Protein backbone atom coordinates (compact mmCIF):
# COMPACT_ATOMS: atom_id res chain seq x y z
CA MET A 1 0.02 -0.05 0.03
CA SER A 2 1.62 3.41 -1.02
CA PHE A 3 1.55 6.40 1.41
CA GLU A 4 -0.63 8.33 -0.82
CA VAL A 5 -3.56 5.59 -0.61
CA TRP A 6 -3.11 5.14 3.24
CA LEU A 7 -3.30 9.18 3.52
CA SER A 8 -6.54 9.41 1.28
CA PHE A 9 -7.90 6.71 3.37
CA THR A 10 -6.84 8.46 6.70
CA VAL A 11 -8.42 11.81 5.60
CA LEU A 12 -11.75 10.14 4.57
CA SER A 13 -11.78 8.24 7.86
CA VAL A 14 -11.18 11.67 10.05
CA MET A 15 -14.08 13.11 8.26
CA MET A 16 -16.24 10.32 9.21
CA VAL A 17 -15.05 10.00 12.74
CA MET A 18 -15.03 13.76 13.52
CA THR A 19 -18.73 13.96 12.69
CA PRO A 20 -20.66 13.35 16.15
CA GLY A 21 -22.55 10.14 15.88
CA PRO A 22 -23.85 7.64 18.44
CA SER A 23 -20.37 6.53 19.61
CA VAL A 24 -19.29 10.11 20.31
CA LEU A 25 -22.58 10.93 21.83
CA ILE A 26 -22.22 7.99 24.53
CA GLY A 27 -18.79 9.06 25.35
CA MET A 28 -19.84 12.62 25.82
CA SER A 29 -22.73 11.15 27.99
CA HIS A 30 -20.05 8.91 29.87
CA ALA A 31 -17.94 11.69 30.53
CA LEU A 32 -20.60 13.98 31.98
CA ARG A 33 -21.62 11.10 34.37
CA TYR A 34 -18.62 9.52 35.25
CA GLY A 35 -15.67 11.64 34.14
CA ALA A 36 -13.36 11.57 31.26
CA ARG A 37 -10.89 9.05 32.71
CA PRO A 38 -13.45 6.33 32.99
CA THR A 39 -14.77 7.01 29.49
CA LEU A 40 -11.46 5.42 28.35
CA ILE A 41 -13.03 2.16 28.92
CA THR A 42 -16.24 3.38 26.77
CA ALA A 43 -14.16 4.37 24.07
CA LEU A 44 -12.42 0.82 24.33
CA GLY A 45 -15.54 -0.93 23.92
CA ASP A 46 -16.82 1.20 21.11
CA VAL A 47 -13.20 0.57 19.06
CA THR A 48 -13.72 -3.35 19.88
CA ALA A 49 -16.86 -3.31 18.28
CA ASN A 50 -15.48 -1.46 15.25
CA MET A 51 -12.84 -4.10 15.02
CA ILE A 52 -15.45 -7.00 14.90
CA GLN A 53 -17.26 -5.10 12.51
CA MET A 54 -14.33 -4.93 10.20
CA VAL A 55 -13.75 -8.66 10.36
CA ILE A 56 -17.71 -9.19 9.51
CA ALA A 57 -17.17 -6.66 6.74
CA ALA A 58 -14.06 -8.54 5.46
CA LEU A 59 -15.64 -11.92 5.63
CA GLY A 60 -18.17 -10.44 3.11
CA LEU A 61 -21.10 -9.97 5.43
CA GLY A 62 -21.08 -6.40 4.91
CA ALA A 63 -23.09 -6.92 1.64
CA ILE A 64 -25.86 -8.55 3.56
CA LEU A 65 -26.64 -5.55 5.83
CA ALA A 66 -25.89 -3.33 2.67
CA THR A 67 -28.45 -5.22 0.55
CA SER A 68 -30.98 -6.81 2.89
CA ALA A 69 -33.67 -4.19 4.28
CA THR A 70 -34.67 -6.40 7.14
CA ALA A 71 -31.35 -7.25 8.23
CA PHE A 72 -30.47 -3.91 8.36
CA ALA A 73 -33.67 -2.60 9.96
CA VAL A 74 -33.20 -5.10 12.93
CA VAL A 75 -29.80 -4.07 13.78
CA LYS A 76 -30.57 -0.54 13.47
CA TRP A 77 -33.72 -0.57 15.67
CA CYS A 78 -32.09 -2.56 18.30
CA GLY A 79 -29.55 -0.04 18.53
CA VAL A 80 -32.13 2.62 18.67
CA ALA A 81 -33.86 0.89 21.50
CA PHE A 82 -30.78 0.63 23.45
CA LEU A 83 -29.72 4.07 23.25
CA LEU A 84 -33.32 5.35 24.00
CA VAL A 85 -33.69 3.21 27.05
CA MET A 86 -30.35 4.11 28.56
CA GLY A 87 -31.04 7.88 27.87
CA LEU A 88 -34.60 7.76 29.47
CA MET A 89 -33.33 6.00 32.43
CA SER A 90 -30.49 8.55 32.88
CA PHE A 91 -33.06 11.70 32.26
CA PHE A 92 -35.41 10.56 34.94
CA ARG A 93 -33.19 8.98 37.55
CA LYS A 94 -31.33 11.18 40.42
CA ALA A 95 -27.59 10.90 39.99
CA SER A 96 -25.93 9.70 42.97
CA LYS A 97 -22.81 11.55 44.71
CA SER A 98 -19.82 10.09 46.12
CA LYS A 99 -19.57 10.29 49.87
CA GLY A 100 -16.49 11.51 51.84
CA LYS A 101 -15.75 14.66 50.13
CA THR A 102 -16.28 18.10 51.17
CA GLY A 103 -16.10 21.69 49.88
CA MET A 104 -15.25 22.34 46.49
CA GLU A 105 -14.03 18.69 45.99
CA MET A 106 -17.35 17.57 46.81
CA LYS A 107 -18.91 20.41 44.62
CA PHE A 108 -17.20 19.37 41.44
CA SER A 109 -15.28 15.80 41.55
CA GLY A 110 -17.83 14.42 43.89
CA ALA A 111 -20.56 15.10 41.21
CA TYR A 112 -19.41 12.21 39.21
CA GLU A 113 -21.06 8.89 39.56
CA VAL A 114 -19.32 5.45 40.03
CA ALA A 115 -19.63 2.90 37.17
CA SER A 116 -17.74 -0.50 36.70
CA ARG A 117 -15.37 -0.74 33.77
CA ARG A 118 -17.61 -3.86 32.68
CA LYS A 119 -20.74 -1.37 32.47
CA LEU A 120 -18.52 1.26 30.58
CA PHE A 121 -17.17 -1.28 28.13
CA ARG A 122 -20.53 -2.88 27.62
CA GLU A 123 -22.47 0.29 26.63
CA GLY A 124 -19.66 1.41 24.38
CA PHE A 125 -19.70 -1.75 22.79
CA LEU A 126 -23.42 -2.10 22.32
CA VAL A 127 -23.96 1.36 21.08
CA ALA A 128 -21.20 0.86 18.27
CA ALA A 129 -22.37 -2.71 17.63
CA GLY A 130 -26.09 -1.29 17.03
CA ASN A 131 -24.89 1.10 14.18
CA PRO A 132 -25.65 -1.41 11.26
CA LYS A 133 -23.98 1.23 8.92
CA ALA A 134 -20.77 0.65 9.95
CA ILE A 135 -20.37 -2.85 8.77
CA ALA A 136 -21.75 -1.58 5.25
CA PHE A 137 -19.38 1.32 5.38
CA PHE A 138 -16.44 -0.78 6.15
CA GLY A 139 -17.42 -3.21 3.67
CA ALA A 140 -17.86 -0.77 1.06
CA LEU A 141 -14.80 1.71 1.72
CA PHE A 142 -11.89 -0.81 2.45
CA PRO A 143 -11.98 -2.51 -1.01
CA GLN A 144 -11.40 1.02 -2.42
CA PHE A 145 -7.81 1.10 -0.90
CA VAL A 146 -6.93 -2.44 -1.13
CA ASP A 147 -4.42 -3.41 -3.57
CA PRO A 148 -5.14 -6.84 -5.14
CA GLY A 149 -1.75 -7.40 -6.32
CA LEU A 150 -0.34 -7.26 -2.57
CA PRO A 151 -0.80 -9.47 0.41
CA LEU A 152 -4.21 -8.77 1.88
CA ALA A 153 -3.74 -9.26 5.30
CA PRO A 154 -1.18 -6.50 6.18
CA GLN A 155 -3.19 -3.91 4.04
CA LEU A 156 -6.29 -4.62 6.51
CA LEU A 157 -4.36 -4.42 9.19
CA MET A 158 -3.03 -1.10 8.35
CA LEU A 159 -6.41 0.32 7.36
CA GLY A 160 -8.13 -1.24 10.34
CA ALA A 161 -5.50 0.18 12.94
CA THR A 162 -5.85 3.59 11.27
CA PHE A 163 -9.29 3.76 11.67
CA VAL A 164 -9.72 2.45 15.14
CA ILE A 165 -6.98 4.90 16.36
CA LEU A 166 -8.72 7.86 14.92
CA ASP A 167 -12.00 6.75 16.19
CA TYR A 168 -10.79 6.16 19.86
CA SER A 169 -9.04 9.58 19.69
CA PHE A 170 -12.03 11.52 18.58
CA VAL A 171 -14.31 9.88 20.96
CA MET A 172 -12.00 11.05 23.70
CA ILE A 173 -11.56 14.22 22.47
CA TYR A 174 -15.44 14.76 22.56
CA ALA A 175 -15.49 13.43 25.86
CA MET A 176 -13.00 15.43 27.61
CA GLY A 177 -14.66 18.47 26.02
CA ALA A 178 -17.82 17.37 27.75
CA ALA A 179 -16.33 16.75 31.14
CA ARG A 180 -14.92 20.42 31.13
CA ILE A 181 -18.62 21.55 31.19
CA MET A 182 -19.34 19.60 34.21
CA PRO A 183 -18.33 22.27 36.77
CA TRP A 184 -20.74 24.71 35.02
CA LEU A 185 -23.41 22.39 35.21
CA VAL A 186 -23.07 21.46 38.77
CA ARG A 187 -23.27 25.21 39.50
CA ARG A 188 -26.38 25.65 37.57
CA GLY A 189 -28.21 22.63 38.70
CA GLY A 190 -26.06 20.14 40.42
CA THR A 191 -25.85 16.55 39.56
CA ASN A 192 -29.51 16.20 38.57
CA ALA A 193 -28.68 18.67 35.41
CA ILE A 194 -25.98 16.36 34.63
CA ALA A 195 -28.08 13.56 34.66
CA ARG A 196 -30.70 15.13 32.49
CA VAL A 197 -28.17 16.63 29.90
CA SER A 198 -26.49 12.93 29.80
CA GLY A 199 -29.84 11.48 29.16
CA ALA A 200 -30.77 14.07 26.61
CA ILE A 201 -27.55 13.37 24.71
CA LEU A 202 -28.40 9.54 24.49
CA ILE A 203 -31.96 10.26 23.47
CA ILE A 204 -30.68 12.67 20.50
CA ALA A 205 -28.11 9.73 19.64
CA ALA A 206 -31.17 7.36 19.17
CA GLY A 207 -32.93 9.91 17.14
CA LEU A 208 -29.75 10.17 14.68
CA LEU A 209 -29.32 6.40 14.65
CA SER A 210 -33.14 6.24 13.84
CA LEU A 211 -32.61 8.49 10.68
CA ILE A 212 -29.78 6.26 9.21
CA GLU A 213 -31.04 4.82 5.86
CA MET A 214 -29.85 1.64 4.29
CA PRO A 215 -26.87 2.67 2.10
CA GLU A 216 -26.70 2.05 -1.54
CA SER A 217 -26.51 -1.57 -2.66
CA THR A 218 -22.71 -2.87 -2.37
CA ALA A 219 -23.70 -6.41 -3.60
CA GLY A 220 -20.82 -8.23 -4.99
CA THR A 221 -18.35 -6.10 -3.08
CA ARG A 222 -15.87 -8.49 -1.32
CA PHE A 223 -12.39 -8.73 -0.19
């Protein structure tokens, strides 16, 4: 793979991942509720789902989601339902404060909730996995940058690693930006305000995912 081909793929990937989607929004939601550092696990769940989607696309299954309206709809609406349930639960629940802190420390860092790594990873993974367009995207995109005259595995590894690094980085950039507004939210409305904003972000993510349409047919597109 030439440097020019890799650079073109990188630029296209940056344009894709920098556009806020469900994965970015779940990262922002988690950063507001749990802090930026725990969101590293959320982003890890996201890119893990992406890697699995890349493998599925490489096996040619991306064409199924790209051409089967039923398969695409099932995956999409499962993802929408998951985001919507999480968003509503967050919006209507009262966020819990951590105990044992006082003064300014309690006012800000104490506003974060505590979540297990398993929960963070699971929600990041399921949100990314619930986006059927990702598999169709990988199945349609990767072949455009693969040279059939060269070994396949190293090229797929390079493209996949590039996308994963970019996706992880942008999820965390948005998450850290969201975490920075937490003190302002605490001053305005306390931890209840954080829970509501976090829930609203997830509900918006569900709405965005529901608007995704089945991409144009990529039947016959295989690695």
